[in-house]
Amino acid sequence: MHVTVDVKGEDTHEVELEAANGRPTYADLLGEVDLSPHEVSVLVDGRPVPEDQPIESEHVTVLRLIKGG
């Protein structure tokens, strides 16, 4: 599955995912772009989605909740 991940204010990543046991989840997607579910929210069509939900969209937006400073 090909997914475009737009990390707001940072980079856009093109990710190819395959889960060994069924469909990949948003947590799997975050792992591919080296982000923790504890520091971000994943949005699909402007709405947050649970990290354990199977990916249903080819484009997601990621918002960092915590940023060092």
Protein backbone atom coordinates (compact mmCIF):
# COMPACT_ATOMS: atom_id res chain seq x y z
CA MET A 1 0.00 0.00 0.00
CA HIS A 2 1.36 3.40 -1.01
CA VAL A 3 0.69 6.28 1.42
CA THR A 4 1.72 9.94 1.32
CA VAL A 5 2.45 11.30 4.80
CA ASP A 6 2.45 15.08 5.19
CA VAL A 7 4.11 16.04 8.49
CA LYS A 8 2.84 19.61 8.91
CA GLY A 9 5.62 22.18 9.04
CA GLU A 10 8.22 19.56 8.15
CA ASP A 11 8.52 16.97 5.39
CA THR A 12 6.32 14.91 3.12
CA HIS A 13 7.11 11.20 2.93
CA GLU A 14 6.11 8.59 0.37
CA VAL A 15 5.77 5.24 2.16
CA GLU A 16 5.17 1.69 0.90
CA LEU A 17 3.67 -0.53 3.59
CA GLU A 18 2.91 -4.21 3.87
CA ALA A 19 1.81 -5.74 7.16
CA ALA A 20 2.70 -9.32 7.88
CA ASN A 21 -0.61 -9.96 9.66
CA GLY A 22 -3.36 -8.22 7.71
CA ARG A 23 -3.66 -4.55 6.84
CA PRO A 24 -1.10 -2.05 8.15
CA THR A 25 -2.24 0.41 10.83
CA TYR A 26 -1.55 4.09 11.32
CA ALA A 27 0.92 3.11 14.06
CA ASP A 28 2.83 1.04 11.46
CA LEU A 29 2.86 4.10 9.21
CA LEU A 30 4.24 6.32 11.97
CA GLY A 31 7.01 3.81 12.62
CA GLU A 32 8.04 4.03 8.97
CA VAL A 33 8.61 7.79 9.29
CA ASP A 34 10.30 7.52 12.73
CA LEU A 35 7.49 9.13 14.73
CA SER A 36 5.89 7.94 17.94
CA PRO A 37 2.11 7.83 18.34
CA HIS A 38 2.68 9.56 21.68
CA GLU A 39 4.01 12.73 20.04
CA VAL A 40 1.66 13.14 17.06
CA SER A 41 -1.93 13.01 15.87
CA VAL A 42 -2.78 11.40 12.55
CA LEU A 43 -5.49 13.13 10.53
CA VAL A 44 -7.44 11.82 7.55
CA ASP A 45 -9.61 14.39 5.80
CA GLY A 46 -8.99 16.74 8.73
CA ARG A 47 -10.24 14.27 11.36
CA PRO A 48 -8.11 12.37 13.88
CA VAL A 49 -7.89 8.61 13.51
CA PRO A 50 -6.86 6.00 16.13
CA GLU A 51 -3.32 4.69 15.71
CA ASP A 52 -4.49 1.07 15.85
CA GLN A 53 -6.99 1.51 13.01
CA PRO A 54 -6.12 -0.07 9.65
CA ILE A 55 -5.02 2.47 7.05
CA GLU A 56 -7.90 3.43 4.78
CA SER A 57 -6.46 6.46 3.00
CA GLU A 58 -3.61 7.09 0.57
CA HIS A 59 -2.92 10.53 2.06
CA VAL A 60 -2.58 11.39 5.75
CA THR A 61 -1.57 14.49 7.66
CA VAL A 62 0.51 14.25 10.82
CA LEU A 63 0.56 17.00 13.46
CA ARG A 64 3.29 17.05 16.08
CA LEU A 65 1.86 17.55 19.55
CA ILE A 66 5.22 17.96 21.26
CA LYS A 67 8.22 19.74 19.82
CA GLY A 68 11.48 20.42 21.63
CA GLY A 69 12.62 23.94 21.99
